[in-house]
Amino acid sequence: MFRYITSGTCSRAITFEVDENNRLHNVRFEGGCRGNTQGVARLCEGQDMDEVAASLKGVLCRAGTSCPDQLAKAIEAYKQTL
């Protein structure tokens, strides 16, 4: 399980798993707008992490970022650990 501390959003952290095929699983936001973060998490389930990051990068809400944008940043941070 990878955990990323968010910045500039209502959510405080994001956790997720990546399988051997680079697909996301068990995406969870800690805090944030419950309906929106649950929706993003469900849409990401089983999706290729690079495609998810490319789709969500740059989505803005406030403070120059958003929960989806922070997920893209979390995926980038995860990839740096490989």
C-alpha atoms as a PDB file:
ATOM      1  CA  MET A   1       0.000   0.000   0.000  1.00  0.00           C
ATOM      2  CA  PHE A   2       1.416   3.367  -1.038  1.00  0.00           C
ATOM      3  CA  ARG A   3       0.492   6.462   1.005  1.00  0.00           C
ATOM      4  CA  TYR A   4       0.843  10.012  -0.272  1.00  0.00           C
ATOM      5  CA  ILE A   5       0.352  13.116   1.858  1.00  0.00           C
ATOM      6  CA  THR A   6      -1.617  15.655  -0.173  1.00  0.00           C
ATOM      7  CA  SER A   7      -1.074  19.395  -0.339  1.00  0.00           C
ATOM      8  CA  GLY A   8      -3.520  22.220  -1.062  1.00  0.00           C
ATOM      9  CA  THR A   9      -6.681  20.096  -0.872  1.00  0.00           C
ATOM     10  CA  CYS A  10      -9.330  19.161   1.653  1.00  0.00           C
ATOM     11  CA  SER A  11      -8.120  15.560   1.505  1.00  0.00           C
ATOM     12  CA  ARG A  12      -5.153  14.862   3.771  1.00  0.00           C
ATOM     13  CA  ALA A  13      -3.723  11.752   2.128  1.00  0.00           C
ATOM     14  CA  ILE A  14      -4.284   9.182  -0.617  1.00  0.00           C
ATOM     15  CA  THR A  15      -3.527   5.470  -0.419  1.00  0.00           C
ATOM     16  CA  PHE A  16      -3.563   2.911  -3.226  1.00  0.00           C
ATOM     17  CA  GLU A  17      -2.088  -0.342  -4.472  1.00  0.00           C
ATOM     18  CA  VAL A  18      -0.623  -1.123  -7.882  1.00  0.00           C
ATOM     19  CA  ASP A  19      -0.625  -4.639  -9.314  1.00  0.00           C
ATOM     20  CA  GLU A  20       1.957  -6.311 -11.559  1.00  0.00           C
ATOM     21  CA  ASN A  21       0.185  -4.884 -14.628  1.00  0.00           C
ATOM     22  CA  ASN A  22       0.447  -1.280 -13.338  1.00  0.00           C
ATOM     23  CA  ARG A  23      -3.268  -1.136 -12.545  1.00  0.00           C
ATOM     24  CA  LEU A  24      -4.620   0.801  -9.568  1.00  0.00           C
ATOM     25  CA  HIS A  25      -6.572  -0.851  -6.759  1.00  0.00           C
ATOM     26  CA  ASN A  26      -8.038   0.214  -3.437  1.00  0.00           C
ATOM     27  CA  VAL A  27      -7.671   3.954  -4.044  1.00  0.00           C
ATOM     28  CA  ARG A  28      -8.740   5.785  -0.872  1.00  0.00           C
ATOM     29  CA  PHE A  29      -8.766   9.476  -0.041  1.00  0.00           C
ATOM     30  CA  GLU A  30      -8.512  10.541   3.595  1.00  0.00           C
ATOM     31  CA  GLY A  31     -10.807  13.540   3.973  1.00  0.00           C
ATOM     32  CA  GLY A  32     -12.044  15.666   1.111  1.00  0.00           C
ATOM     33  CA  CYS A  33     -15.492  15.848  -0.453  1.00  0.00           C
ATOM     34  CA  ARG A  34     -16.734  12.336   0.185  1.00  0.00           C
ATOM     35  CA  GLY A  35     -18.865  11.900  -2.926  1.00  0.00           C
ATOM     36  CA  ASN A  36     -16.251  13.291  -5.275  1.00  0.00           C
ATOM     37  CA  THR A  37     -13.336  11.372  -3.819  1.00  0.00           C
ATOM     38  CA  GLN A  38     -15.315   8.126  -3.741  1.00  0.00           C
ATOM     39  CA  GLY A  39     -16.316   8.688  -7.355  1.00  0.00           C
ATOM     40  CA  VAL A  40     -12.727   9.306  -8.461  1.00  0.00           C
ATOM     41  CA  ALA A  41     -11.560   6.243  -6.526  1.00  0.00           C
ATOM     42  CA  ARG A  42     -14.185   3.987  -8.119  1.00  0.00           C
ATOM     43  CA  LEU A  43     -13.436   5.248 -11.613  1.00  0.00           C
ATOM     44  CA  CYS A  44      -9.724   4.509 -11.083  1.00  0.00           C
ATOM     45  CA  GLU A  45     -10.230   0.945  -9.872  1.00  0.00           C
ATOM     46  CA  GLY A  46      -8.433  -1.468 -12.203  1.00  0.00           C
ATOM     47  CA  GLN A  47      -7.244   1.306 -14.537  1.00  0.00           C
ATOM     48  CA  ASP A  48      -3.697   1.738 -15.820  1.00  0.00           C
ATOM     49  CA  MET A  49      -1.903   4.119 -13.458  1.00  0.00           C
ATOM     50  CA  ASP A  50      -0.211   6.068 -16.271  1.00  0.00           C
ATOM     51  CA  GLU A  51      -3.525   6.655 -18.038  1.00  0.00           C
ATOM     52  CA  VAL A  52      -5.140   7.779 -14.781  1.00  0.00           C
ATOM     53  CA  ALA A  53      -2.283  10.185 -14.036  1.00  0.00           C
ATOM     54  CA  ALA A  54      -2.400  11.642 -17.550  1.00  0.00           C
ATOM     55  CA  SER A  55      -6.178  12.137 -17.329  1.00  0.00           C
ATOM     56  CA  LEU A  56      -6.200  13.737 -13.873  1.00  0.00           C
ATOM     57  CA  LYS A  57      -3.047  15.862 -13.987  1.00  0.00           C
ATOM     58  CA  GLY A  58      -3.908  19.547 -14.018  1.00  0.00           C
ATOM     59  CA  VAL A  59      -7.527  19.247 -12.883  1.00  0.00           C
ATOM     60  CA  LEU A  60      -7.973  22.322 -10.680  1.00  0.00           C
ATOM     61  CA  CYS A  61     -10.258  23.080  -7.759  1.00  0.00           C
ATOM     62  CA  ARG A  62      -8.499  25.482  -5.388  1.00  0.00           C
ATOM     63  CA  ALA A  63      -4.954  26.489  -4.500  1.00  0.00           C
ATOM     64  CA  GLY A  64      -3.804  25.452  -7.974  1.00  0.00           C
ATOM     65  CA  THR A  65      -4.603  21.753  -7.453  1.00  0.00           C
ATOM     66  CA  SER A  66      -7.455  19.333  -6.665  1.00  0.00           C
ATOM     67  CA  CYS A  67      -7.959  15.875  -5.227  1.00  0.00           C
ATOM     68  CA  PRO A  68      -7.754  14.314  -8.729  1.00  0.00           C
ATOM     69  CA  ASP A  69      -4.595  16.330  -9.470  1.00  0.00           C
ATOM     70  CA  GLN A  70      -3.132  15.165  -6.163  1.00  0.00           C
ATOM     71  CA  LEU A  71      -3.821  11.557  -7.179  1.00  0.00           C
ATOM     72  CA  ALA A  72      -1.836  12.184 -10.367  1.00  0.00           C
ATOM     73  CA  LYS A  73       0.993  13.573  -8.214  1.00  0.00           C
ATOM     74  CA  ALA A  74       0.719  10.541  -5.909  1.00  0.00           C
ATOM     75  CA  ILE A  75       1.108   8.202  -8.872  1.00  0.00           C
ATOM     76  CA  GLU A  76       4.179  10.137 -10.004  1.00  0.00           C
ATOM     77  CA  ALA A  77       5.621   9.885  -6.476  1.00  0.00           C
ATOM     78  CA  TYR A  78       4.901   6.142  -6.415  1.00  0.00           C
ATOM     79  CA  LYS A  79       6.730   5.648  -9.704  1.00  0.00           C
ATOM     80  CA  GLN A  80       9.805   7.349  -8.247  1.00  0.00           C
ATOM     81  CA  THR A  81       9.967   4.620  -5.583  1.00  0.00           C
ATOM     82  CA  LEU A  82      10.294   1.845  -8.166  1.00  0.00           C
END
